[in-house]
Amino acid sequence: MERSSTAQPSHDLEHSAGELAKMMSEQVSALIRHELKLAQLEMTGKGKQAALGVGMFGVSGLVALDGVGCLIACAIIAISAVVAAWLAALTVDVVLLAAAGVAALVGERRVLRRLRCLSRPSPMSRST
């Protein structure tokens, strides 16, 4: 076999078992440190991207909330063409509060149903 030009001279290739173990320990330690540093850098980059995405999601929620406010104002203005403006605003408000109440009751029912299912033992656990 032919040696590459980067091969070390033969006097460096003769190490005792203790020296080899020490070198291996140092190299494994350095490898682990470098891998951890690389993982940290990768996770930092991914964390920054995730934070940016969450921030954009929050901004979109605020813009959507603003849009809903505009639609509510539009509904009030449209109804005020038929009745007084204060009555139109009151009507839209009552409708919105009623919808919120219905959504809360439906949500509560679902949560309670799920909690009851979780508190019951499963058929698989009744094997006795």
N, C-alpha and C. Protein backbone atom coordinates (compact mmCIF):
# COMPACT_ATOMS: atom_id res chain seq x y z
N MET A 1 0.83 -1.18 0.00
CA MET A 1 0.00 0.00 0.00
C MET A 1 0.87 1.24 0.00
N GLU A 2 0.38 2.26 -0.62
CA GLU A 2 1.14 3.49 -0.72
C GLU A 2 0.59 4.50 0.28
N ARG A 3 1.48 5.20 0.97
CA ARG A 3 1.06 6.17 1.97
C ARG A 3 0.78 7.51 1.31
N SER A 4 -0.19 8.20 1.85
CA SER A 4 -0.48 9.53 1.31
C SER A 4 0.57 10.51 1.80
N SER A 5 0.66 11.63 1.14
CA SER A 5 1.68 12.63 1.48
C SER A 5 1.37 13.30 2.82
N THR A 6 0.14 13.14 3.32
CA THR A 6 -0.21 13.77 4.59
C THR A 6 0.01 12.82 5.76
N ALA A 7 0.45 11.59 5.52
CA ALA A 7 0.66 10.63 6.60
C ALA A 7 1.80 11.10 7.48
N GLN A 8 1.66 10.84 8.78
CA GLN A 8 2.69 11.25 9.73
C GLN A 8 3.84 10.26 9.69
N PRO A 9 5.02 10.68 10.10
CA PRO A 9 6.16 9.76 10.14
C PRO A 9 5.89 8.63 11.10
N SER A 10 6.61 7.53 10.94
CA SER A 10 6.33 6.31 11.69
C SER A 10 6.60 6.47 13.18
N HIS A 11 7.49 7.39 13.59
CA HIS A 11 7.76 7.52 15.02
C HIS A 11 6.57 8.12 15.78
N ASP A 12 5.65 8.83 15.08
CA ASP A 12 4.45 9.35 15.72
C ASP A 12 3.34 8.29 15.78
N LEU A 13 3.47 7.22 15.05
CA LEU A 13 2.43 6.20 15.00
C LEU A 13 2.56 5.21 16.14
N GLU A 14 3.65 5.24 16.85
CA GLU A 14 3.86 4.28 17.94
C GLU A 14 3.54 4.96 19.26
N HIS A 15 2.34 4.69 19.77
CA HIS A 15 1.91 5.25 21.05
C HIS A 15 1.52 4.12 21.96
N SER A 16 1.67 4.37 23.24
CA SER A 16 1.26 3.35 24.21
C SER A 16 -0.27 3.37 24.30
N ALA A 17 -0.81 2.35 24.91
CA ALA A 17 -2.26 2.24 25.06
C ALA A 17 -2.78 3.39 25.91
N GLY A 18 -2.04 3.79 26.92
CA GLY A 18 -2.45 4.91 27.77
C GLY A 18 -2.49 6.21 27.00
N GLU A 19 -1.47 6.44 26.14
CA GLU A 19 -1.44 7.65 25.34
C GLU A 19 -2.59 7.66 24.34
N LEU A 20 -2.86 6.49 23.74
CA LEU A 20 -3.98 6.39 22.79
C LEU A 20 -5.32 6.66 23.48
N ALA A 21 -5.48 6.13 24.69
CA ALA A 21 -6.72 6.36 25.44
C ALA A 21 -6.86 7.84 25.78
N LYS A 22 -5.74 8.47 26.17
CA LYS A 22 -5.77 9.88 26.50
C LYS A 22 -6.11 10.71 25.26
N MET A 23 -5.49 10.39 24.12
CA MET A 23 -5.77 11.12 22.89
C MET A 23 -7.22 10.95 22.47
N MET A 24 -7.73 9.71 22.59
CA MET A 24 -9.11 9.45 22.22
C MET A 24 -10.05 10.24 23.12
N SER A 25 -9.77 10.26 24.41
CA SER A 25 -10.59 11.00 25.36
C SER A 25 -10.61 12.48 25.02
N GLU A 26 -9.44 13.04 24.70
CA GLU A 26 -9.36 14.45 24.33
C GLU A 26 -10.12 14.73 23.05
N GLN A 27 -9.98 13.85 22.07
CA GLN A 27 -10.65 14.06 20.79
C GLN A 27 -12.16 13.92 20.92
N VAL A 28 -12.61 12.92 21.69
CA VAL A 28 -14.05 12.74 21.89
C VAL A 28 -14.61 13.94 22.64
N SER A 29 -13.87 14.40 23.65
CA SER A 29 -14.30 15.57 24.40
C SER A 29 -14.41 16.80 23.49
N ALA A 30 -13.41 17.02 22.65
CA ALA A 30 -13.44 18.16 21.72
C ALA A 30 -14.59 18.00 20.72
N LEU A 31 -14.80 16.77 20.23
CA LEU A 31 -15.89 16.52 19.29
C LEU A 31 -17.24 16.83 19.92
N ILE A 32 -17.44 16.40 21.15
CA ILE A 32 -18.71 16.65 21.84
C ILE A 32 -18.91 18.15 22.05
N ARG A 33 -17.85 18.86 22.46
CA ARG A 33 -17.96 20.30 22.64
C ARG A 33 -18.34 20.99 21.33
N HIS A 34 -17.69 20.57 20.24
CA HIS A 34 -17.99 21.19 18.95
C HIS A 34 -19.41 20.87 18.49
N GLU A 35 -19.85 19.64 18.71
CA GLU A 35 -21.21 19.26 18.33
C GLU A 35 -22.24 20.04 19.14
N LEU A 36 -21.97 20.21 20.44
CA LEU A 36 -22.89 20.97 21.28
C LEU A 36 -22.94 22.43 20.85
N LYS A 37 -21.80 22.99 20.49
CA LYS A 37 -21.75 24.38 20.02
C LYS A 37 -22.54 24.51 18.71
N LEU A 38 -22.37 23.53 17.81
CA LEU A 38 -23.09 23.55 16.55
C LEU A 38 -24.60 23.43 16.78
N ALA A 39 -24.98 22.52 17.69
CA ALA A 39 -26.40 22.35 17.99
C ALA A 39 -26.98 23.63 18.60
N GLN A 40 -26.19 24.27 19.46
CA GLN A 40 -26.64 25.52 20.07
C GLN A 40 -26.85 26.60 19.00
N LEU A 41 -25.91 26.70 18.07
CA LEU A 41 -26.05 27.69 17.00
C LEU A 41 -27.27 27.40 16.13
N GLU A 42 -27.49 26.11 15.82
CA GLU A 42 -28.65 25.74 15.00
C GLU A 42 -29.95 26.05 15.72
N MET A 43 -30.02 25.72 17.02
CA MET A 43 -31.24 25.96 17.77
C MET A 43 -31.49 27.46 17.96
N THR A 44 -30.42 28.24 18.11
CA THR A 44 -30.57 29.69 18.22
C THR A 44 -31.19 30.23 16.94
N GLY A 45 -30.69 29.78 15.80
CA GLY A 45 -31.25 30.22 14.52
C GLY A 45 -32.69 29.81 14.36
N LYS A 46 -33.00 28.56 14.74
CA LYS A 46 -34.39 28.09 14.63
C LYS A 46 -35.28 28.84 15.59
N GLY A 47 -34.76 29.14 16.80
CA GLY A 47 -35.55 29.90 17.77
C GLY A 47 -35.87 31.29 17.28
N LYS A 48 -34.89 31.93 16.63
CA LYS A 48 -35.14 33.26 16.09
C LYS A 48 -36.19 33.22 15.00
N GLN A 49 -36.13 32.20 14.15
CA GLN A 49 -37.13 32.08 13.08
C GLN A 49 -38.51 31.81 13.66
N ALA A 50 -38.57 30.96 14.71
CA ALA A 50 -39.86 30.67 15.34
C ALA A 50 -40.42 31.92 16.00
N ALA A 51 -39.55 32.69 16.67
CA ALA A 51 -40.01 33.92 17.32
C ALA A 51 -40.54 34.91 16.29
N LEU A 52 -39.87 35.00 15.17
CA LEU A 52 -40.33 35.89 14.11
C LEU A 52 -41.70 35.43 13.60
N GLY A 53 -41.87 34.13 13.42
CA GLY A 53 -43.16 33.60 12.98
C GLY A 53 -44.27 33.87 13.98
N VAL A 54 -43.97 33.69 15.27
CA VAL A 54 -44.97 33.96 16.32
C VAL A 54 -45.32 35.44 16.33
N GLY A 55 -44.32 36.29 16.17
CA GLY A 55 -44.58 37.73 16.12
C GLY A 55 -45.47 38.11 14.95
N MET A 56 -45.21 37.51 13.80
CA MET A 56 -46.03 37.79 12.62
C MET A 56 -47.46 37.29 12.83
N PHE A 57 -47.58 36.14 13.49
CA PHE A 57 -48.91 35.60 13.79
C PHE A 57 -49.67 36.55 14.71
N GLY A 58 -48.98 37.11 15.71
CA GLY A 58 -49.61 38.07 16.61
C GLY A 58 -50.06 39.32 15.88
N VAL A 59 -49.22 39.81 14.98
CA VAL A 59 -49.58 41.00 14.20
C VAL A 59 -50.81 40.71 13.34
N SER A 60 -50.84 39.52 12.75
CA SER A 60 -52.01 39.19 11.91
C SER A 60 -53.28 39.14 12.75
N GLY A 61 -53.17 38.67 14.00
CA GLY A 61 -54.33 38.67 14.88
C GLY A 61 -54.82 40.08 15.19
N LEU A 62 -53.88 40.99 15.42
CA LEU A 62 -54.27 42.38 15.69
C LEU A 62 -54.93 43.02 14.48
N VAL A 63 -54.39 42.76 13.30
CA VAL A 63 -54.97 43.31 12.08
C VAL A 63 -56.37 42.73 11.85
N ALA A 64 -56.53 41.43 12.12
CA ALA A 64 -57.85 40.80 11.97
C ALA A 64 -58.84 41.39 12.97
N LEU A 65 -58.38 41.65 14.19
CA LEU A 65 -59.25 42.26 15.19
C LEU A 65 -59.69 43.66 14.75
N ASP A 66 -58.77 44.39 14.16
CA ASP A 66 -59.10 45.71 13.62
C ASP A 66 -60.14 45.59 12.50
N GLY A 67 -59.98 44.57 11.66
CA GLY A 67 -60.95 44.34 10.59
C GLY A 67 -62.33 44.01 11.12
N VAL A 68 -62.38 43.21 12.19
CA VAL A 68 -63.67 42.89 12.79
C VAL A 68 -64.32 44.15 13.36
N GLY A 69 -63.49 45.00 13.96
CA GLY A 69 -64.03 46.26 14.48
C GLY A 69 -64.63 47.11 13.37
N CYS A 70 -63.97 47.14 12.24
CA CYS A 70 -64.50 47.90 11.09
C CYS A 70 -65.81 47.31 10.60
N LEU A 71 -65.90 46.00 10.56
CA LEU A 71 -67.15 45.36 10.13
C LEU A 71 -68.29 45.66 11.11
N ILE A 72 -67.97 45.69 12.40
CA ILE A 72 -68.99 46.02 13.40
C ILE A 72 -69.45 47.46 13.20
N ALA A 73 -68.50 48.36 12.98
CA ALA A 73 -68.87 49.76 12.73
C ALA A 73 -69.73 49.88 11.48
N CYS A 74 -69.38 49.11 10.47
CA CYS A 74 -70.16 49.13 9.22
C CYS A 74 -71.59 48.65 9.48
N ALA A 75 -71.74 47.60 10.28
CA ALA A 75 -73.08 47.10 10.60
C ALA A 75 -73.88 48.14 11.36
N ILE A 76 -73.23 48.82 12.31
CA ILE A 76 -73.92 49.86 13.07
C ILE A 76 -74.37 51.00 12.16
N ILE A 77 -73.50 51.42 11.26
CA ILE A 77 -73.84 52.51 10.33
C ILE A 77 -74.99 52.09 9.41
N ALA A 78 -74.96 50.84 8.95
CA ALA A 78 -76.03 50.37 8.06
C ALA A 78 -77.37 50.33 8.78
N ILE A 79 -77.36 49.85 10.03
CA ILE A 79 -78.62 49.78 10.78
C ILE A 79 -79.10 51.17 11.17
N SER A 80 -78.14 52.10 11.38
CA SER A 80 -78.54 53.46 11.79
C SER A 80 -79.29 54.20 10.68
N ALA A 81 -79.27 53.66 9.46
CA ALA A 81 -80.06 54.27 8.39
C ALA A 81 -81.55 54.02 8.61
N VAL A 82 -81.86 52.98 9.40
CA VAL A 82 -83.25 52.62 9.65
C VAL A 82 -83.71 53.12 11.02
N VAL A 83 -82.84 53.01 12.04
CA VAL A 83 -83.20 53.43 13.41
C VAL A 83 -82.16 54.44 13.88
N ALA A 84 -82.35 54.95 15.08
CA ALA A 84 -81.40 55.92 15.65
C ALA A 84 -80.03 55.24 15.84
N ALA A 85 -78.96 56.03 15.78
CA ALA A 85 -77.60 55.49 15.85
C ALA A 85 -77.35 54.76 17.16
N TRP A 86 -77.84 55.30 18.29
CA TRP A 86 -77.62 54.64 19.57
C TRP A 86 -78.34 53.29 19.62
N LEU A 87 -79.50 53.21 19.00
CA LEU A 87 -80.25 51.96 18.98
C LEU A 87 -79.57 50.94 18.07
N ALA A 88 -79.00 51.40 16.98
CA ALA A 88 -78.26 50.50 16.09
C ALA A 88 -77.05 49.93 16.81
N ALA A 89 -76.31 50.79 17.54
CA ALA A 89 -75.14 50.32 18.29
C ALA A 89 -75.55 49.34 19.38
N LEU A 90 -76.65 49.64 20.06
CA LEU A 90 -77.15 48.74 21.11
C LEU A 90 -77.57 47.40 20.53
N THR A 91 -78.23 47.41 19.40
CA THR A 91 -78.67 46.17 18.75
C THR A 91 -77.48 45.31 18.37
N VAL A 92 -76.48 45.90 17.73
CA VAL A 92 -75.30 45.14 17.33
C VAL A 92 -74.58 44.61 18.56
N ASP A 93 -74.49 45.40 19.63
CA ASP A 93 -73.83 44.97 20.86
C ASP A 93 -74.55 43.78 21.49
N VAL A 94 -75.88 43.83 21.54
CA VAL A 94 -76.65 42.72 22.12
C VAL A 94 -76.42 41.44 21.31
N VAL A 95 -76.43 41.56 20.00
CA VAL A 95 -76.20 40.39 19.14
C VAL A 95 -74.81 39.81 19.39
N LEU A 96 -73.79 40.67 19.48
CA LEU A 96 -72.43 40.20 19.73
C LEU A 96 -72.30 39.53 21.09
N LEU A 97 -72.91 40.12 22.13
CA LEU A 97 -72.85 39.52 23.46
C LEU A 97 -73.59 38.19 23.50
N ALA A 98 -74.69 38.09 22.80
CA ALA A 98 -75.42 36.81 22.74
C ALA A 98 -74.57 35.74 22.05
N ALA A 99 -73.90 36.11 20.96
CA ALA A 99 -73.03 35.16 20.26
C ALA A 99 -71.87 34.72 21.16
N ALA A 100 -71.32 35.66 21.93
CA ALA A 100 -70.24 35.33 22.86
C ALA A 100 -70.74 34.38 23.95
N GLY A 101 -71.95 34.62 24.44
CA GLY A 101 -72.53 33.73 25.46
C GLY A 101 -72.75 32.32 24.94
N VAL A 102 -73.27 32.21 23.74
CA VAL A 102 -73.49 30.88 23.14
C VAL A 102 -72.16 30.16 22.94
N ALA A 103 -71.15 30.87 22.46
CA ALA A 103 -69.84 30.26 22.27
C ALA A 103 -69.24 29.80 23.60
N ALA A 104 -69.43 30.60 24.65
CA ALA A 104 -68.91 30.21 25.97
C ALA A 104 -69.62 28.97 26.49
N LEU A 105 -70.93 28.89 26.32
CA LEU A 105 -71.67 27.72 26.79
C LEU A 105 -71.28 26.45 26.03
N VAL A 106 -71.13 26.57 24.71
CA VAL A 106 -70.71 25.42 23.91
C VAL A 106 -69.30 24.98 24.32
N GLY A 107 -68.42 25.92 24.52
CA GLY A 107 -67.06 25.59 24.93
C GLY A 107 -67.03 24.94 26.30
N GLU A 108 -67.82 25.46 27.22
CA GLU A 108 -67.88 24.88 28.56
C GLU A 108 -68.39 23.44 28.51
N ARG A 109 -69.42 23.20 27.71
CA ARG A 109 -69.97 21.85 27.59
C ARG A 109 -68.93 20.87 27.05
N ARG A 110 -68.19 21.31 26.05
CA ARG A 110 -67.16 20.44 25.47
C ARG A 110 -66.05 20.14 26.47
N VAL A 111 -65.62 21.15 27.20
CA VAL A 111 -64.57 20.95 28.20
C VAL A 111 -65.04 19.99 29.29
N LEU A 112 -66.26 20.21 29.79
CA LEU A 112 -66.77 19.33 30.83
C LEU A 112 -66.93 17.89 30.34
N ARG A 113 -67.38 17.72 29.10
CA ARG A 113 -67.52 16.39 28.53
C ARG A 113 -66.15 15.71 28.44
N ARG A 114 -65.15 16.45 28.02
CA ARG A 114 -63.81 15.89 27.90
C ARG A 114 -63.24 15.55 29.28
N LEU A 115 -63.51 16.39 30.27
CA LEU A 115 -63.02 16.11 31.62
C LEU A 115 -63.68 14.87 32.20
N ARG A 116 -64.97 14.70 31.92
CA ARG A 116 -65.65 13.49 32.39
C ARG A 116 -65.07 12.25 31.74
N CYS A 117 -64.73 12.34 30.46
CA CYS A 117 -64.12 11.20 29.78
C CYS A 117 -62.76 10.87 30.37
N LEU A 118 -62.03 11.88 30.75
CA LEU A 118 -60.70 11.66 31.33
C LEU A 118 -60.77 11.08 32.72
N SER A 119 -61.82 11.40 33.48
CA SER A 119 -61.92 10.92 34.85
C SER A 119 -62.40 9.47 34.93
N ARG A 120 -63.07 8.98 33.89
CA ARG A 120 -63.52 7.59 33.87
C ARG A 120 -62.36 6.67 33.54
N PRO A 121 -62.31 5.50 34.19
CA PRO A 121 -61.26 4.54 33.80
C PRO A 121 -61.56 3.98 32.42
N SER A 122 -60.53 3.74 31.66
CA SER A 122 -60.71 3.21 30.31
C SER A 122 -61.05 1.73 30.39
N PRO A 123 -61.71 1.19 29.35
CA PRO A 123 -62.06 -0.24 29.35
C PRO A 123 -60.81 -1.14 29.44
N MET A 124 -59.70 -0.69 28.93
CA MET A 124 -58.48 -1.49 28.97
C MET A 124 -57.93 -1.60 30.39
N SER A 125 -58.17 -0.60 31.24
CA SER A 125 -57.64 -0.63 32.60
C SER A 125 -58.51 -1.44 33.54
N ARG A 126 -59.70 -1.88 33.11
CA ARG A 126 -60.61 -2.68 33.95
C ARG A 126 -60.39 -4.17 33.74
N SER A 127 -59.20 -4.58 33.56
CA SER A 127 -58.95 -5.99 33.26
C SER A 127 -59.07 -6.89 34.47
N THR A 128 -59.33 -6.35 35.68
CA THR A 128 -59.46 -7.19 36.86
C THR A 128 -60.85 -7.64 37.09
